[in-house]
Amino acid sequence: MPLVEYESLEGIARLTLSAPPANCYSYEMMRELDAAILRARFDADIHAIIIRGAGEKFFCAGADIAMLRGADPVFKYNFCLHANETLLRLEHTPKLVVAALDGHCVGGGLEVALAADLRIARRGSGKCGLPEVKLGVLPGTGGTQRLVRVVGRARAIELMASGETFDFERAATLGLVNQVWDDPDHASFQAHVLAWVRELVPPKSASRAIGFIKRACTSGSEIGLAEGLSLERELQQRLFEGEDAAEGIAAYLEKRPPQFRGR
């Protein structure tokens, strides 16, 4: 059985982390996730990506601690390096990535979710947080870097130093989760997420423009304003040269709904 299940659903790639009971990731899972990200990136018919955990108890509980206990320091370093590279690949793929959080999302699981563009959670389904300090280590799959960019330096240090875990409602107030939904069960939540993402892909939405917005925000936030504006102009020019911009302008002037193709 694959550790990362890949489904193509009408322009959406849905990646399911599947390693019962807690969907903890190993090097093998990260390799499969890496391959799935590249598969979705290179597929012109895929316009968005959903990442979820198998079952309703866990999105992901982080790295497989039993695996790490038996590994030597060289393996552990390279394991962290590859995980960093995989999540950077996800973060820089110019397609919208949504993490569907149904169940606990702690440690490395939250670090995976933080590499997504948007995080949607089911109310009451679990806890989230970065408790690695309780194992005597730090969040080593991007947590120290991405959390500070989401909640600010002081709050990020507080959350990681305490190792606190908390519900998705608090995560939303911190800005870690974009929305918390009241779906009654796992199946309805997953269907809701899929329907919601379908509104953000062709023909209803210009997915190429969304991907370029992502690129401008992700790369632009790490450089100076002048350089960021230059990047924004170049991406805008590429969109002007594409089919969707022509369709969007024509539809507006003709007072009809646009039919985007993601091109």
C-alpha atoms as a PDB file:
ATOM      1  CA  MET A   1       0.000   0.000   0.000  1.00  0.00           C
ATOM      2  CA  PRO A   2       1.306   3.473  -0.823  1.00  0.00           C
ATOM      3  CA  LEU A   3       2.177   5.798   2.032  1.00  0.00           C
ATOM      4  CA  VAL A   4       0.916   8.728  -0.043  1.00  0.00           C
ATOM      5  CA  GLU A   5      -2.191   8.036  -2.089  1.00  0.00           C
ATOM      6  CA  TYR A   6      -2.542  10.160  -5.237  1.00  0.00           C
ATOM      7  CA  GLU A   7      -5.943  10.931  -6.758  1.00  0.00           C
ATOM      8  CA  SER A   8      -6.723  13.152  -9.757  1.00  0.00           C
ATOM      9  CA  LEU A   9     -10.183  14.658  -9.265  1.00  0.00           C
ATOM     10  CA  GLU A  10     -11.314  16.995 -12.054  1.00  0.00           C
ATOM     11  CA  GLY A  11      -8.250  19.202 -12.045  1.00  0.00           C
ATOM     12  CA  ILE A  12      -7.378  18.679  -8.372  1.00  0.00           C
ATOM     13  CA  ALA A  13      -4.655  16.380  -7.056  1.00  0.00           C
ATOM     14  CA  ARG A  14      -5.591  14.967  -3.657  1.00  0.00           C
ATOM     15  CA  LEU A  15      -2.659  13.568  -1.686  1.00  0.00           C
ATOM     16  CA  THR A  16      -3.517  11.397   1.327  1.00  0.00           C
ATOM     17  CA  LEU A  17      -0.899  10.646   3.990  1.00  0.00           C
ATOM     18  CA  SER A  18      -1.607   7.026   4.879  1.00  0.00           C
ATOM     19  CA  ALA A  19       0.402   5.397   7.669  1.00  0.00           C
ATOM     20  CA  PRO A  20      -1.909   4.166  10.444  1.00  0.00           C
ATOM     21  CA  PRO A  21      -2.476   4.839  13.228  1.00  0.00           C
ATOM     22  CA  ALA A  22      -1.195   8.447  13.234  1.00  0.00           C
ATOM     23  CA  ASN A  23       0.054   9.041   9.654  1.00  0.00           C
ATOM     24  CA  CYS A  24       3.564   9.711  10.950  1.00  0.00           C
ATOM     25  CA  TYR A  25       6.061  10.334   8.191  1.00  0.00           C
ATOM     26  CA  SER A  26       9.176   8.334   7.518  1.00  0.00           C
ATOM     27  CA  TYR A  27      11.857   8.882   4.895  1.00  0.00           C
ATOM     28  CA  GLU A  28       9.880   6.519   2.667  1.00  0.00           C
ATOM     29  CA  MET A  29       6.705   8.598   3.060  1.00  0.00           C
ATOM     30  CA  MET A  30       8.596  11.815   2.332  1.00  0.00           C
ATOM     31  CA  ARG A  31       9.998  10.275  -0.845  1.00  0.00           C
ATOM     32  CA  GLU A  32       6.464   9.375  -1.945  1.00  0.00           C
ATOM     33  CA  LEU A  33       5.195  12.851  -1.021  1.00  0.00           C
ATOM     34  CA  ASP A  34       8.068  14.413  -2.959  1.00  0.00           C
ATOM     35  CA  ALA A  35       7.200  12.324  -6.021  1.00  0.00           C
ATOM     36  CA  ALA A  36       3.493  13.178  -5.712  1.00  0.00           C
ATOM     37  CA  ILE A  37       4.240  16.909  -5.515  1.00  0.00           C
ATOM     38  CA  LEU A  38       6.360  16.715  -8.662  1.00  0.00           C
ATOM     39  CA  ARG A  39       3.688  14.664 -10.423  1.00  0.00           C
ATOM     40  CA  ALA A  40       1.079  17.313  -9.665  1.00  0.00           C
ATOM     41  CA  ARG A  41       3.462  20.156 -10.536  1.00  0.00           C
ATOM     42  CA  PHE A  42       4.220  18.821 -14.013  1.00  0.00           C
ATOM     43  CA  ASP A  43       0.624  17.862 -14.842  1.00  0.00           C
ATOM     44  CA  ALA A  44      -0.898  20.738 -16.832  1.00  0.00           C
ATOM     45  CA  ASP A  45      -4.383  19.374 -16.093  1.00  0.00           C
ATOM     46  CA  ILE A  46      -3.867  19.718 -12.321  1.00  0.00           C
ATOM     47  CA  HIS A  47      -4.706  23.199 -11.026  1.00  0.00           C
ATOM     48  CA  ALA A  48      -4.729  22.738  -7.233  1.00  0.00           C
ATOM     49  CA  ILE A  49      -3.539  20.288  -4.580  1.00  0.00           C
ATOM     50  CA  ILE A  50      -5.273  19.050  -1.429  1.00  0.00           C
ATOM     51  CA  ILE A  51      -3.252  17.345   1.302  1.00  0.00           C
ATOM     52  CA  ARG A  52      -5.088  15.320   3.923  1.00  0.00           C
ATOM     53  CA  GLY A  53      -4.548  12.475   6.365  1.00  0.00           C
ATOM     54  CA  ALA A  54      -6.125   9.048   6.099  1.00  0.00           C
ATOM     55  CA  GLY A  55      -8.921   8.550   8.614  1.00  0.00           C
ATOM     56  CA  GLU A  56     -10.451  11.073  10.976  1.00  0.00           C
ATOM     57  CA  LYS A  57      -8.182  10.824  14.028  1.00  0.00           C
ATOM     58  CA  PHE A  58      -4.977  12.298  12.604  1.00  0.00           C
ATOM     59  CA  PHE A  59      -3.954  14.593   9.799  1.00  0.00           C
ATOM     60  CA  CYS A  60      -0.377  13.763  10.762  1.00  0.00           C
ATOM     61  CA  ALA A  61       1.398  13.384  14.104  1.00  0.00           C
ATOM     62  CA  GLY A  62       4.804  14.273  12.679  1.00  0.00           C
ATOM     63  CA  ALA A  63       7.928  12.219  12.171  1.00  0.00           C
ATOM     64  CA  ASP A  64       8.072   8.539  13.050  1.00  0.00           C
ATOM     65  CA  ILE A  65       9.830   8.732  16.430  1.00  0.00           C
ATOM     66  CA  ALA A  66      10.569   5.002  16.560  1.00  0.00           C
ATOM     67  CA  MET A  67      12.365   5.326  13.214  1.00  0.00           C
ATOM     68  CA  LEU A  68      14.420   8.257  14.475  1.00  0.00           C
ATOM     69  CA  ARG A  69      15.355   6.482  17.707  1.00  0.00           C
ATOM     70  CA  GLY A  70      17.192   3.780  15.800  1.00  0.00           C
ATOM     71  CA  ALA A  71      18.826   6.102  13.258  1.00  0.00           C
ATOM     72  CA  ASP A  72      22.336   7.549  13.420  1.00  0.00           C
ATOM     73  CA  PRO A  73      22.945  11.332  13.404  1.00  0.00           C
ATOM     74  CA  VAL A  74      23.976  11.378   9.743  1.00  0.00           C
ATOM     75  CA  PHE A  75      20.677   9.765   8.690  1.00  0.00           C
ATOM     76  CA  LYS A  76      18.714  12.118  10.944  1.00  0.00           C
ATOM     77  CA  TYR A  77      20.380  15.165   9.384  1.00  0.00           C
ATOM     78  CA  ASN A  78      19.717  13.975   5.839  1.00  0.00           C
ATOM     79  CA  PHE A  79      16.158  12.997   6.777  1.00  0.00           C
ATOM     80  CA  CYS A  80      15.517  16.569   7.950  1.00  0.00           C
ATOM     81  CA  LEU A  81      17.248  17.993   4.870  1.00  0.00           C
ATOM     82  CA  HIS A  82      15.114  15.931   2.498  1.00  0.00           C
ATOM     83  CA  ALA A  83      11.929  16.844   4.391  1.00  0.00           C
ATOM     84  CA  ASN A  84      12.902  20.525   4.085  1.00  0.00           C
ATOM     85  CA  GLU A  85      13.493  20.117   0.356  1.00  0.00           C
ATOM     86  CA  THR A  86      10.169  18.323  -0.115  1.00  0.00           C
ATOM     87  CA  LEU A  87       8.139  21.001   1.653  1.00  0.00           C
ATOM     88  CA  LEU A  88       9.990  23.772  -0.180  1.00  0.00           C
ATOM     89  CA  ARG A  89       9.033  22.037  -3.419  1.00  0.00           C
ATOM     90  CA  LEU A  90       5.417  22.062  -2.265  1.00  0.00           C
ATOM     91  CA  GLU A  91       5.617  25.693  -1.199  1.00  0.00           C
ATOM     92  CA  HIS A  92       7.119  26.830  -4.497  1.00  0.00           C
ATOM     93  CA  THR A  93       4.859  24.817  -6.794  1.00  0.00           C
ATOM     94  CA  PRO A  94       2.782  27.505  -8.560  1.00  0.00           C
ATOM     95  CA  LYS A  95      -0.525  25.808  -7.798  1.00  0.00           C
ATOM     96  CA  LEU A  96      -2.797  26.413  -4.817  1.00  0.00           C
ATOM     97  CA  VAL A  97      -2.194  23.938  -1.973  1.00  0.00           C
ATOM     98  CA  VAL A  98      -4.892  23.379   0.668  1.00  0.00           C
ATOM     99  CA  ALA A  99      -4.321  21.313   3.814  1.00  0.00           C
ATOM    100  CA  ALA A 100      -7.543  19.639   4.993  1.00  0.00           C
ATOM    101  CA  LEU A 101      -7.116  19.175   8.754  1.00  0.00           C
ATOM    102  CA  ASP A 102      -9.427  16.526  10.139  1.00  0.00           C
ATOM    103  CA  GLY A 103      -7.813  15.059  13.239  1.00  0.00           C
ATOM    104  CA  HIS A 104      -4.706  15.919  15.230  1.00  0.00           C
ATOM    105  CA  CYS A 105      -2.113  18.019  13.420  1.00  0.00           C
ATOM    106  CA  VAL A 106       0.925  18.189  15.687  1.00  0.00           C
ATOM    107  CA  GLY A 107       4.689  18.380  15.406  1.00  0.00           C
ATOM    108  CA  GLY A 108       5.851  17.644  11.894  1.00  0.00           C
ATOM    109  CA  GLY A 109       2.220  17.314  10.841  1.00  0.00           C
ATOM    110  CA  LEU A 110       1.698  21.011  11.511  1.00  0.00           C
ATOM    111  CA  GLU A 111       4.990  21.706   9.743  1.00  0.00           C
ATOM    112  CA  VAL A 112       3.629  19.942   6.642  1.00  0.00           C
ATOM    113  CA  ALA A 113       0.405  21.940   6.911  1.00  0.00           C
ATOM    114  CA  LEU A 114       2.336  25.207   7.271  1.00  0.00           C
ATOM    115  CA  ALA A 115       3.917  24.575   3.866  1.00  0.00           C
ATOM    116  CA  ALA A 116       0.417  24.612   2.331  1.00  0.00           C
ATOM    117  CA  ASP A 117      -1.071  27.915   1.207  1.00  0.00           C
ATOM    118  CA  LEU A 118      -4.370  27.527   3.052  1.00  0.00           C
ATOM    119  CA  ARG A 119      -5.422  25.411   6.013  1.00  0.00           C
ATOM    120  CA  ILE A 120      -9.038  24.356   6.592  1.00  0.00           C
ATOM    121  CA  ALA A 121      -9.929  22.436   9.772  1.00  0.00           C
ATOM    122  CA  ARG A 122     -12.965  20.540  11.072  1.00  0.00           C
ATOM    123  CA  ARG A 123     -14.119  21.914  14.404  1.00  0.00           C
ATOM    124  CA  GLY A 124     -13.541  19.622  17.363  1.00  0.00           C
ATOM    125  CA  SER A 125     -11.602  17.037  15.369  1.00  0.00           C
ATOM    126  CA  GLY A 126      -8.226  17.406  17.065  1.00  0.00           C
ATOM    127  CA  LYS A 127      -5.377  19.485  18.407  1.00  0.00           C
ATOM    128  CA  CYS A 128      -2.459  21.229  16.751  1.00  0.00           C
ATOM    129  CA  GLY A 129       0.875  22.626  17.916  1.00  0.00           C
ATOM    130  CA  LEU A 130       4.618  22.088  17.883  1.00  0.00           C
ATOM    131  CA  PRO A 131       5.525  20.089  21.036  1.00  0.00           C
ATOM    132  CA  GLU A 132       9.008  18.958  19.893  1.00  0.00           C
ATOM    133  CA  VAL A 133      10.680  20.699  22.840  1.00  0.00           C
ATOM    134  CA  LYS A 134       9.195  17.983  25.082  1.00  0.00           C
ATOM    135  CA  LEU A 135      11.432  15.496  23.228  1.00  0.00           C
ATOM    136  CA  GLY A 136      14.451  17.731  23.725  1.00  0.00           C
ATOM    137  CA  VAL A 137      14.554  18.866  20.099  1.00  0.00           C
ATOM    138  CA  LEU A 138      13.229  21.727  17.983  1.00  0.00           C
ATOM    139  CA  PRO A 139      10.677  21.648  15.138  1.00  0.00           C
ATOM    140  CA  GLY A 140      13.049  20.517  12.401  1.00  0.00           C
ATOM    141  CA  THR A 141      10.845  20.375   9.311  1.00  0.00           C
ATOM    142  CA  GLY A 142      10.497  24.106   8.841  1.00  0.00           C
ATOM    143  CA  GLY A 143       8.509  24.900  11.967  1.00  0.00           C
ATOM    144  CA  THR A 144      10.885  27.486  13.407  1.00  0.00           C
ATOM    145  CA  GLN A 145      10.907  29.357  10.107  1.00  0.00           C
ATOM    146  CA  ARG A 146       7.317  29.121   8.901  1.00  0.00           C
ATOM    147  CA  LEU A 147       5.640  29.593  12.281  1.00  0.00           C
ATOM    148  CA  VAL A 148       7.472  32.870  12.914  1.00  0.00           C
ATOM    149  CA  ARG A 149       6.358  34.104   9.498  1.00  0.00           C
ATOM    150  CA  VAL A 150       2.733  33.328  10.331  1.00  0.00           C
ATOM    151  CA  VAL A 151       2.369  34.449  13.962  1.00  0.00           C
ATOM    152  CA  GLY A 152       5.410  36.671  14.580  1.00  0.00           C
ATOM    153  CA  ARG A 153       8.672  36.067  16.437  1.00  0.00           C
ATOM    154  CA  ALA A 154       7.575  36.425  20.064  1.00  0.00           C
ATOM    155  CA  ARG A 155       4.411  34.344  19.714  1.00  0.00           C
ATOM    156  CA  ALA A 156       6.241  31.654  17.728  1.00  0.00           C
ATOM    157  CA  ILE A 157       8.925  31.321  20.403  1.00  0.00           C
ATOM    158  CA  GLU A 158       6.233  31.154  23.099  1.00  0.00           C
ATOM    159  CA  LEU A 159       4.319  28.385  21.312  1.00  0.00           C
ATOM    160  CA  MET A 160       7.419  26.318  20.569  1.00  0.00           C
ATOM    161  CA  ALA A 161       9.093  26.846  23.960  1.00  0.00           C
ATOM    162  CA  SER A 162       5.949  25.764  25.829  1.00  0.00           C
ATOM    163  CA  GLY A 163       5.208  22.890  23.464  1.00  0.00           C
ATOM    164  CA  GLU A 164       1.525  23.720  23.931  1.00  0.00           C
ATOM    165  CA  THR A 165      -1.130  22.001  21.835  1.00  0.00           C
ATOM    166  CA  PHE A 166      -4.503  23.652  21.283  1.00  0.00           C
ATOM    167  CA  ASP A 167      -7.755  23.295  19.383  1.00  0.00           C
ATOM    168  CA  PHE A 168      -8.396  24.548  15.867  1.00  0.00           C
ATOM    169  CA  GLU A 169     -10.461  27.488  17.095  1.00  0.00           C
ATOM    170  CA  ARG A 170      -7.412  28.918  18.839  1.00  0.00           C
ATOM    171  CA  ALA A 171      -5.298  28.054  15.820  1.00  0.00           C
ATOM    172  CA  ALA A 172      -7.653  30.219  13.765  1.00  0.00           C
ATOM    173  CA  THR A 173      -7.280  33.171  16.147  1.00  0.00           C
ATOM    174  CA  LEU A 174      -3.495  32.825  15.814  1.00  0.00           C
ATOM    175  CA  GLY A 175      -3.720  32.793  12.026  1.00  0.00           C
ATOM    176  CA  LEU A 176      -2.496  29.200  11.740  1.00  0.00           C
ATOM    177  CA  VAL A 177      -5.799  28.035  10.270  1.00  0.00           C
ATOM    178  CA  ASN A 178      -7.767  30.007   7.685  1.00  0.00           C
ATOM    179  CA  GLN A 179     -11.187  28.533   8.393  1.00  0.00           C
ATOM    180  CA  VAL A 180     -12.799  26.133  10.871  1.00  0.00           C
ATOM    181  CA  TRP A 181     -15.846  24.313   9.563  1.00  0.00           C
ATOM    182  CA  ASP A 182     -18.683  22.595  11.420  1.00  0.00           C
ATOM    183  CA  ASP A 183     -19.075  19.508   9.242  1.00  0.00           C
ATOM    184  CA  PRO A 184     -20.488  16.653  11.345  1.00  0.00           C
ATOM    185  CA  ASP A 185     -18.109  13.930  10.201  1.00  0.00           C
ATOM    186  CA  HIS A 186     -15.000  13.066   8.218  1.00  0.00           C
ATOM    187  CA  ALA A 187     -16.763  12.246   4.952  1.00  0.00           C
ATOM    188  CA  SER A 188     -18.815  15.437   4.846  1.00  0.00           C
ATOM    189  CA  PHE A 189     -15.778  17.556   5.706  1.00  0.00           C
ATOM    190  CA  GLN A 190     -13.645  16.026   2.955  1.00  0.00           C
ATOM    191  CA  ALA A 191     -16.466  16.466   0.435  1.00  0.00           C
ATOM    192  CA  HIS A 192     -16.869  20.089   1.572  1.00  0.00           C
ATOM    193  CA  VAL A 193     -13.144  20.780   1.106  1.00  0.00           C
ATOM    194  CA  LEU A 194     -13.176  19.252  -2.371  1.00  0.00           C
ATOM    195  CA  ALA A 195     -16.232  21.295  -3.387  1.00  0.00           C
ATOM    196  CA  TRP A 196     -14.648  24.462  -1.978  1.00  0.00           C
ATOM    197  CA  VAL A 197     -11.394  23.938  -3.888  1.00  0.00           C
ATOM    198  CA  ARG A 198     -13.355  23.243  -7.095  1.00  0.00           C
ATOM    199  CA  GLU A 199     -14.497  26.877  -6.925  1.00  0.00           C
ATOM    200  CA  LEU A 200     -10.826  27.896  -7.249  1.00  0.00           C
ATOM    201  CA  VAL A 201      -9.969  25.935 -10.399  1.00  0.00           C
ATOM    202  CA  PRO A 202     -11.145  26.187 -14.031  1.00  0.00           C
ATOM    203  CA  PRO A 203     -13.597  26.874 -15.402  1.00  0.00           C
ATOM    204  CA  LYS A 204     -14.740  29.089 -12.500  1.00  0.00           C
ATOM    205  CA  SER A 205     -11.366  30.487 -11.431  1.00  0.00           C
ATOM    206  CA  ALA A 206      -8.159  31.474 -13.174  1.00  0.00           C
ATOM    207  CA  SER A 207      -5.855  28.935 -11.544  1.00  0.00           C
ATOM    208  CA  ARG A 208      -2.757  30.214 -13.359  1.00  0.00           C
ATOM    209  CA  ALA A 209      -3.343  33.675 -11.881  1.00  0.00           C
ATOM    210  CA  ILE A 210      -3.822  32.096  -8.431  1.00  0.00           C
ATOM    211  CA  GLY A 211      -0.537  30.212  -8.880  1.00  0.00           C
ATOM    212  CA  PHE A 212       1.239  33.431  -9.825  1.00  0.00           C
ATOM    213  CA  ILE A 213      -0.299  35.252  -6.842  1.00  0.00           C
ATOM    214  CA  LYS A 214       1.183  32.469  -4.731  1.00  0.00           C
ATOM    215  CA  ARG A 215       4.598  32.874  -6.379  1.00  0.00           C
ATOM    216  CA  ALA A 216       4.549  36.654  -5.922  1.00  0.00           C
ATOM    217  CA  CYS A 217       3.624  36.372  -2.239  1.00  0.00           C
ATOM    218  CA  THR A 218       5.940  33.465  -1.397  1.00  0.00           C
ATOM    219  CA  SER A 219       9.042  34.752  -3.155  1.00  0.00           C
ATOM    220  CA  GLY A 220       8.257  38.447  -2.801  1.00  0.00           C
ATOM    221  CA  SER A 221       7.957  38.267   0.977  1.00  0.00           C
ATOM    222  CA  GLU A 222      11.598  37.168   1.212  1.00  0.00           C
ATOM    223  CA  ILE A 223      13.086  40.039  -0.851  1.00  0.00           C
ATOM    224  CA  GLY A 224      13.030  43.833  -0.839  1.00  0.00           C
ATOM    225  CA  LEU A 225      10.015  45.868  -1.967  1.00  0.00           C
ATOM    226  CA  ALA A 226      11.573  47.042  -5.234  1.00  0.00           C
ATOM    227  CA  GLU A 227      12.579  43.484  -6.155  1.00  0.00           C
ATOM    228  CA  GLY A 228       9.144  42.211  -5.138  1.00  0.00           C
ATOM    229  CA  LEU A 229       7.430  44.773  -7.339  1.00  0.00           C
ATOM    230  CA  SER A 230       9.676  43.763 -10.221  1.00  0.00           C
ATOM    231  CA  LEU A 231       8.671  40.122  -9.723  1.00  0.00           C
ATOM    232  CA  GLU A 232       5.014  41.158  -9.594  1.00  0.00           C
ATOM    233  CA  ARG A 233       5.308  43.049 -12.910  1.00  0.00           C
ATOM    234  CA  GLU A 234       6.980  40.112 -14.653  1.00  0.00           C
ATOM    235  CA  LEU A 235       4.332  37.683 -13.456  1.00  0.00           C
ATOM    236  CA  GLN A 236       1.574  40.087 -14.483  1.00  0.00           C
ATOM    237  CA  GLN A 237       3.063  40.378 -17.964  1.00  0.00           C
ATOM    238  CA  ARG A 238       3.101  36.588 -18.303  1.00  0.00           C
ATOM    239  CA  LEU A 239      -0.578  36.520 -17.341  1.00  0.00           C
ATOM    240  CA  PHE A 240      -1.396  39.251 -19.890  1.00  0.00           C
ATOM    241  CA  GLU A 241       0.176  37.010 -22.535  1.00  0.00           C
ATOM    242  CA  GLY A 242      -1.992  34.041 -21.529  1.00  0.00           C
ATOM    243  CA  GLU A 243      -5.480  32.919 -22.520  1.00  0.00           C
ATOM    244  CA  ASP A 244      -7.185  33.424 -19.151  1.00  0.00           C
ATOM    245  CA  ALA A 245      -6.517  37.173 -18.991  1.00  0.00           C
ATOM    246  CA  ALA A 246      -8.019  37.631 -22.445  1.00  0.00           C
ATOM    247  CA  GLU A 247     -11.024  35.526 -21.447  1.00  0.00           C
ATOM    248  CA  GLY A 248     -11.488  37.347 -18.138  1.00  0.00           C
ATOM    249  CA  ILE A 249     -11.422  40.798 -19.760  1.00  0.00           C
ATOM    250  CA  ALA A 250     -13.721  39.708 -22.584  1.00  0.00           C
ATOM    251  CA  ALA A 251     -16.209  38.119 -20.165  1.00  0.00           C
ATOM    252  CA  TYR A 252     -16.272  41.267 -18.036  1.00  0.00           C
ATOM    253  CA  LEU A 253     -16.987  43.506 -21.028  1.00  0.00           C
ATOM    254  CA  GLU A 254     -19.573  41.071 -22.404  1.00  0.00           C
ATOM    255  CA  LYS A 255     -21.245  40.761 -18.992  1.00  0.00           C
ATOM    256  CA  ARG A 256     -21.013  36.951 -18.865  1.00  0.00           C
ATOM    257  CA  PRO A 257     -19.315  34.449 -16.528  1.00  0.00           C
ATOM    258  CA  PRO A 258     -15.740  33.711 -17.642  1.00  0.00           C
ATOM    259  CA  GLN A 259     -14.719  30.212 -18.690  1.00  0.00           C
ATOM    260  CA  PHE A 260     -11.121  29.875 -17.564  1.00  0.00           C
ATOM    261  CA  ARG A 261      -8.751  27.139 -18.722  1.00  0.00           C
ATOM    262  CA  GLY A 262      -5.742  27.688 -16.466  1.00  0.00           C
ATOM    263  CA  ARG A 263      -3.624  28.960 -19.371  1.00  0.00           C
END
